[in-house]
C-alpha cells in the first residue's frame, strides 16, 4: 500500500542479513512478510550494499551447485544501527500525525 524507499529496502535487507548469513532467494522470501519485493528488485539492492562495503559475499556448495551467501560487515552493522535510529524517529513523526484524532488523543492500535 505504501511505497518503500531505497533507504528502507537497504535497512530491511541489512537487518535480515544481520540475523544470519543468507542467500538472495531466502532474503526475498523473508522480505515478503513485510513488503512485496521481487528478486529483480532485491538483487540490485544486494549489489549496491556489497559495492558500498555493507555486505560481503561468499559461495557455499548446495546440492551440487554454488549458492551465493551474504554476510553483513562492520560498516553494514553501523549503517543498520543508524537506519534503526532514523526509522524510529520517522515512525514517531508519522505516528504523531496519523494516530492522533482531532481532540489530540492517541488512537488505540
N, C-alpha and C. Protein backbone atom coordinates (compact mmCIF):
# COMPACT_ATOMS: atom_id res chain seq x y z
N UNK A 1 0.82 -1.19 0.00
CA UNK A 1 0.00 0.00 0.00
C UNK A 1 0.87 1.27 0.00
N UNK A 2 1.88 1.31 0.83
CA UNK A 2 2.77 2.47 0.88
C UNK A 2 4.06 2.11 0.16
N UNK A 3 4.59 3.03 -0.63
CA UNK A 3 5.85 2.73 -1.34
C UNK A 3 7.01 2.58 -0.36
N UNK A 4 7.96 1.75 -0.74
CA UNK A 4 9.14 1.52 0.09
C UNK A 4 10.32 2.20 -0.60
N UNK A 5 10.99 3.07 0.13
CA UNK A 5 12.13 3.80 -0.42
C UNK A 5 13.35 2.90 -0.50
N UNK A 6 14.34 3.36 -1.25
CA UNK A 6 15.59 2.62 -1.36
C UNK A 6 16.27 2.50 0.00
N UNK A 7 16.23 3.55 0.79
CA UNK A 7 16.85 3.51 2.12
C UNK A 7 16.17 2.48 3.01
N UNK A 8 14.85 2.40 2.95
CA UNK A 8 14.13 1.43 3.76
C UNK A 8 14.43 0.01 3.30
N UNK A 9 14.53 -0.20 1.99
CA UNK A 9 14.92 -1.51 1.47
C UNK A 9 16.31 -1.89 1.97
N UNK A 10 17.24 -0.95 1.90
CA UNK A 10 18.59 -1.21 2.41
C UNK A 10 18.55 -1.62 3.87
N UNK A 11 17.80 -0.87 4.67
CA UNK A 11 17.71 -1.15 6.11
C UNK A 11 17.12 -2.53 6.36
N UNK A 12 16.08 -2.88 5.62
CA UNK A 12 15.43 -4.17 5.82
C UNK A 12 16.35 -5.32 5.42
N UNK A 13 17.06 -5.16 4.30
CA UNK A 13 18.00 -6.20 3.86
C UNK A 13 19.12 -6.36 4.87
N UNK A 14 19.69 -5.25 5.32
CA UNK A 14 20.76 -5.34 6.32
C UNK A 14 20.27 -6.03 7.59
N UNK A 15 19.05 -5.74 7.99
CA UNK A 15 18.51 -6.36 9.19
C UNK A 15 18.37 -7.87 9.03
N UNK A 16 17.89 -8.30 7.86
CA UNK A 16 17.76 -9.74 7.61
C UNK A 16 19.12 -10.43 7.58
N UNK A 17 20.09 -9.81 6.93
CA UNK A 17 21.41 -10.43 6.83
C UNK A 17 22.13 -10.39 8.18
N UNK A 18 21.83 -9.40 9.00
CA UNK A 18 22.44 -9.33 10.34
C UNK A 18 21.97 -10.51 11.20
N UNK A 19 20.78 -11.03 10.94
CA UNK A 19 20.26 -12.16 11.71
C UNK A 19 21.01 -13.44 11.42
N UNK A 20 21.36 -13.61 10.12
CA UNK A 20 22.06 -14.83 9.70
C UNK A 20 22.68 -14.62 8.33
N UNK A 21 23.77 -15.31 8.07
CA UNK A 21 24.32 -15.34 6.72
C UNK A 21 23.28 -16.04 5.86
N UNK A 22 22.93 -15.45 4.74
CA UNK A 22 21.84 -16.00 3.95
C UNK A 22 22.03 -15.68 2.48
N UNK A 23 21.17 -16.23 1.66
CA UNK A 23 21.28 -16.09 0.21
C UNK A 23 20.09 -15.30 -0.33
N UNK A 24 20.24 -14.83 -1.56
CA UNK A 24 19.28 -13.90 -2.14
C UNK A 24 17.84 -14.37 -2.16
N UNK A 25 17.59 -15.58 -2.60
CA UNK A 25 16.21 -16.06 -2.69
C UNK A 25 15.55 -16.09 -1.31
N UNK A 26 16.30 -16.51 -0.29
CA UNK A 26 15.74 -16.55 1.08
C UNK A 26 15.47 -15.14 1.58
N UNK A 27 16.35 -14.20 1.24
CA UNK A 27 16.12 -12.80 1.64
C UNK A 27 14.81 -12.32 1.01
N UNK A 28 14.61 -12.63 -0.28
CA UNK A 28 13.38 -12.23 -0.95
C UNK A 28 12.17 -12.82 -0.25
N UNK A 29 12.23 -14.10 0.10
CA UNK A 29 11.11 -14.75 0.78
C UNK A 29 10.86 -14.12 2.15
N UNK A 30 11.92 -13.83 2.89
CA UNK A 30 11.78 -13.21 4.21
C UNK A 30 11.20 -11.79 4.10
N UNK A 31 11.56 -11.08 3.06
CA UNK A 31 11.06 -9.72 2.84
C UNK A 31 9.56 -9.73 2.56
N UNK A 32 9.08 -10.82 1.98
CA UNK A 32 7.66 -10.91 1.61
C UNK A 32 6.74 -10.78 2.82
N UNK A 33 7.25 -11.04 4.03
CA UNK A 33 6.41 -10.91 5.21
C UNK A 33 6.08 -9.45 5.50
N UNK A 34 6.90 -8.53 4.99
CA UNK A 34 6.69 -7.11 5.27
C UNK A 34 6.35 -6.29 4.03
N UNK A 35 6.80 -6.73 2.87
CA UNK A 35 6.61 -5.94 1.65
C UNK A 35 6.68 -6.85 0.43
N UNK A 36 5.96 -6.46 -0.59
CA UNK A 36 6.01 -7.22 -1.84
C UNK A 36 7.24 -6.75 -2.61
N UNK A 37 8.28 -7.56 -2.57
CA UNK A 37 9.54 -7.23 -3.23
C UNK A 37 9.93 -8.42 -4.09
N UNK A 38 10.22 -8.17 -5.34
CA UNK A 38 10.61 -9.24 -6.25
C UNK A 38 12.12 -9.42 -6.22
N UNK A 39 12.57 -10.55 -6.72
CA UNK A 39 14.01 -10.80 -6.83
C UNK A 39 14.66 -9.75 -7.71
N UNK A 40 13.96 -9.33 -8.77
CA UNK A 40 14.54 -8.33 -9.68
C UNK A 40 14.72 -6.98 -9.00
N UNK A 41 13.96 -6.72 -7.97
CA UNK A 41 14.14 -5.50 -7.16
C UNK A 41 15.24 -5.70 -6.13
N UNK A 42 15.29 -6.88 -5.56
CA UNK A 42 16.20 -7.14 -4.44
C UNK A 42 17.66 -7.27 -4.85
N UNK A 43 17.95 -7.93 -5.95
CA UNK A 43 19.34 -8.17 -6.32
C UNK A 43 20.14 -6.88 -6.56
N UNK A 44 19.56 -5.84 -7.17
CA UNK A 44 20.31 -4.57 -7.25
C UNK A 44 20.60 -3.97 -5.88
N UNK A 45 19.69 -4.17 -4.93
CA UNK A 45 19.92 -3.70 -3.55
C UNK A 45 21.11 -4.44 -2.95
N UNK A 46 21.13 -5.74 -3.11
CA UNK A 46 22.24 -6.55 -2.60
C UNK A 46 23.57 -6.12 -3.23
N UNK A 47 23.56 -5.91 -4.54
CA UNK A 47 24.79 -5.48 -5.22
C UNK A 47 25.25 -4.12 -4.73
N UNK A 48 24.30 -3.18 -4.55
CA UNK A 48 24.65 -1.85 -4.07
C UNK A 48 25.24 -1.92 -2.66
N UNK A 49 24.62 -2.70 -1.78
CA UNK A 49 25.13 -2.83 -0.42
C UNK A 49 26.51 -3.49 -0.41
N UNK A 50 26.72 -4.44 -1.30
CA UNK A 50 28.04 -5.07 -1.41
C UNK A 50 29.06 -4.06 -1.92
N UNK A 51 28.71 -3.32 -2.95
CA UNK A 51 29.62 -2.32 -3.53
C UNK A 51 29.98 -1.25 -2.50
N UNK A 52 29.02 -0.89 -1.65
CA UNK A 52 29.25 0.13 -0.62
C UNK A 52 29.98 -0.40 0.60
N UNK A 53 30.25 -1.71 0.64
CA UNK A 53 31.01 -2.28 1.75
C UNK A 53 30.17 -2.71 2.94
N UNK A 54 28.83 -2.69 2.78
CA UNK A 54 27.95 -3.08 3.89
C UNK A 54 27.77 -4.60 3.96
N UNK A 55 27.95 -5.26 2.83
CA UNK A 55 27.83 -6.72 2.75
C UNK A 55 29.02 -7.30 2.03
N UNK A 56 29.36 -8.52 2.38
CA UNK A 56 30.34 -9.30 1.61
C UNK A 56 29.65 -10.59 1.19
N UNK A 57 30.18 -11.19 0.14
CA UNK A 57 29.59 -12.43 -0.36
C UNK A 57 30.60 -13.56 -0.27
N UNK A 58 30.06 -14.76 -0.23
CA UNK A 58 30.89 -15.96 -0.33
C UNK A 58 30.00 -17.06 -0.90
N UNK A 59 30.62 -18.02 -1.54
CA UNK A 59 29.88 -19.13 -2.13
C UNK A 59 29.96 -20.35 -1.23
N UNK A 60 28.86 -21.09 -1.20
CA UNK A 60 28.80 -22.33 -0.43
C UNK A 60 28.10 -23.37 -1.30
N UNK A 61 28.64 -24.57 -1.32
CA UNK A 61 28.04 -25.63 -2.12
C UNK A 61 26.68 -26.00 -1.56
N UNK A 62 25.72 -26.20 -2.48
CA UNK A 62 24.38 -26.62 -2.09
C UNK A 62 23.80 -27.48 -3.21
N UNK A 63 23.58 -28.74 -2.93
CA UNK A 63 23.01 -29.68 -3.88
C UNK A 63 23.76 -29.67 -5.22
N UNK A 64 25.08 -29.72 -5.14
CA UNK A 64 25.90 -29.80 -6.33
C UNK A 64 26.14 -28.49 -7.05
N UNK A 65 25.65 -27.40 -6.48
CA UNK A 65 25.85 -26.08 -7.08
C UNK A 65 26.40 -25.14 -6.02
N UNK A 66 26.94 -24.03 -6.47
CA UNK A 66 27.35 -23.00 -5.53
C UNK A 66 26.20 -22.02 -5.33
N UNK A 67 25.97 -21.66 -4.10
CA UNK A 67 24.96 -20.67 -3.75
C UNK A 67 25.69 -19.47 -3.15
N UNK A 68 25.36 -18.29 -3.60
CA UNK A 68 26.00 -17.07 -3.10
C UNK A 68 25.31 -16.61 -1.82
N UNK A 69 26.11 -16.50 -0.77
CA UNK A 69 25.62 -16.05 0.53
C UNK A 69 26.11 -14.63 0.81
N UNK A 70 25.36 -13.96 1.67
CA UNK A 70 25.68 -12.59 2.06
C UNK A 70 25.92 -12.54 3.56
N UNK A 71 26.91 -11.75 3.94
CA UNK A 71 27.26 -11.55 5.35
C UNK A 71 27.39 -10.04 5.57
N UNK A 72 26.88 -9.56 6.68
CA UNK A 72 26.98 -8.13 6.99
C UNK A 72 28.38 -7.82 7.50
N UNK A 73 28.88 -6.65 7.16
CA UNK A 73 30.21 -6.21 7.60
C UNK A 73 30.05 -5.27 8.81
N UNK A 74 31.18 -4.88 9.35
CA UNK A 74 31.15 -3.91 10.45
C UNK A 74 30.51 -2.60 9.99
N UNK A 75 30.86 -2.17 8.77
CA UNK A 75 30.24 -0.97 8.21
C UNK A 75 28.73 -1.17 8.07
N UNK A 76 28.32 -2.34 7.62
CA UNK A 76 26.90 -2.65 7.50
C UNK A 76 26.19 -2.60 8.83
N UNK A 77 26.83 -3.09 9.88
CA UNK A 77 26.25 -3.03 11.23
C UNK A 77 26.07 -1.59 11.67
N UNK A 78 27.07 -0.75 11.38
CA UNK A 78 26.99 0.67 11.72
C UNK A 78 25.84 1.33 10.97
N UNK A 79 25.74 1.03 9.67
CA UNK A 79 24.66 1.58 8.86
C UNK A 79 23.30 1.13 9.40
N UNK A 80 23.19 -0.14 9.74
CA UNK A 80 21.93 -0.68 10.26
C UNK A 80 21.55 0.02 11.57
N UNK A 81 22.49 0.25 12.43
CA UNK A 81 22.20 0.96 13.69
C UNK A 81 21.63 2.34 13.40
N UNK A 82 22.24 3.05 12.46
CA UNK A 82 21.74 4.39 12.11
C UNK A 82 20.38 4.31 11.44
N UNK A 83 20.18 3.34 10.56
CA UNK A 83 18.86 3.17 9.93
C UNK A 83 17.80 2.92 10.99
N UNK A 84 18.11 2.14 12.01
CA UNK A 84 17.14 1.86 13.07
C UNK A 84 16.78 3.13 13.85
N UNK A 85 17.76 3.96 14.11
CA UNK A 85 17.51 5.24 14.79
C UNK A 85 16.64 6.13 13.90
N UNK A 86 17.02 6.23 12.63
CA UNK A 86 16.27 7.07 11.69
C UNK A 86 14.84 6.56 11.53
N UNK A 87 14.67 5.23 11.46
CA UNK A 87 13.34 4.66 11.32
C UNK A 87 12.49 4.98 12.54
N UNK A 88 13.03 4.84 13.72
CA UNK A 88 12.27 5.11 14.93
C UNK A 88 11.83 6.58 14.96
N UNK A 89 12.73 7.49 14.59
CA UNK A 89 12.37 8.91 14.54
C UNK A 89 11.28 9.16 13.50
N UNK A 90 11.43 8.57 12.32
CA UNK A 90 10.44 8.73 11.26
C UNK A 90 9.09 8.17 11.69
N UNK A 91 9.11 7.00 12.27
CA UNK A 91 7.87 6.34 12.73
C UNK A 91 7.16 7.20 13.77
N UNK A 92 7.91 7.77 14.70
CA UNK A 92 7.30 8.62 15.73
C UNK A 92 6.68 9.87 15.11
N UNK A 93 7.35 10.44 14.11
CA UNK A 93 6.81 11.63 13.45
C UNK A 93 5.52 11.30 12.71
N UNK A 94 5.51 10.19 11.99
CA UNK A 94 4.29 9.80 11.27
C UNK A 94 3.19 9.45 12.26
N UNK A 95 3.52 8.69 13.29
CA UNK A 95 2.52 8.32 14.29
C UNK A 95 1.90 9.54 14.96
N UNK A 96 2.70 10.59 15.17
CA UNK A 96 2.18 11.78 15.84
C UNK A 96 1.09 12.45 15.01
N UNK A 97 1.09 12.24 13.73
CA UNK A 97 0.05 12.79 12.86
C UNK A 97 -1.04 11.75 12.60
N UNK A 98 -0.62 10.57 12.22
CA UNK A 98 -1.56 9.54 11.77
C UNK A 98 -2.39 8.94 12.90
N UNK A 99 -1.82 8.79 14.06
CA UNK A 99 -2.50 8.10 15.15
C UNK A 99 -3.13 9.03 16.18
N UNK A 100 -3.30 10.29 15.83
CA UNK A 100 -3.95 11.24 16.72
C UNK A 100 -5.28 11.66 16.10
N UNK A 101 -6.33 11.70 16.91
CA UNK A 101 -7.61 12.18 16.39
C UNK A 101 -7.69 13.69 16.57
N UNK A 102 -8.79 14.29 16.20
CA UNK A 102 -8.93 15.74 16.23
C UNK A 102 -8.81 16.32 17.64
N UNK A 103 -9.16 15.56 18.66
CA UNK A 103 -9.08 16.05 20.04
C UNK A 103 -7.68 15.92 20.62
N UNK A 104 -6.72 15.40 19.81
CA UNK A 104 -5.36 15.27 20.29
C UNK A 104 -5.10 14.02 21.08
N UNK A 105 -6.06 13.13 21.12
CA UNK A 105 -5.89 11.85 21.83
C UNK A 105 -5.35 10.80 20.88
N UNK A 106 -4.48 9.98 21.39
CA UNK A 106 -3.91 8.90 20.57
C UNK A 106 -4.99 7.86 20.29
N UNK A 107 -5.05 7.41 19.07
CA UNK A 107 -6.00 6.37 18.67
C UNK A 107 -5.44 5.03 19.08
N UNK A 108 -6.25 4.22 19.73
CA UNK A 108 -5.80 2.88 20.17
C UNK A 108 -5.44 2.04 18.96
N UNK A 109 -4.34 1.31 19.10
CA UNK A 109 -3.89 0.47 17.98
C UNK A 109 -4.40 -0.92 18.10
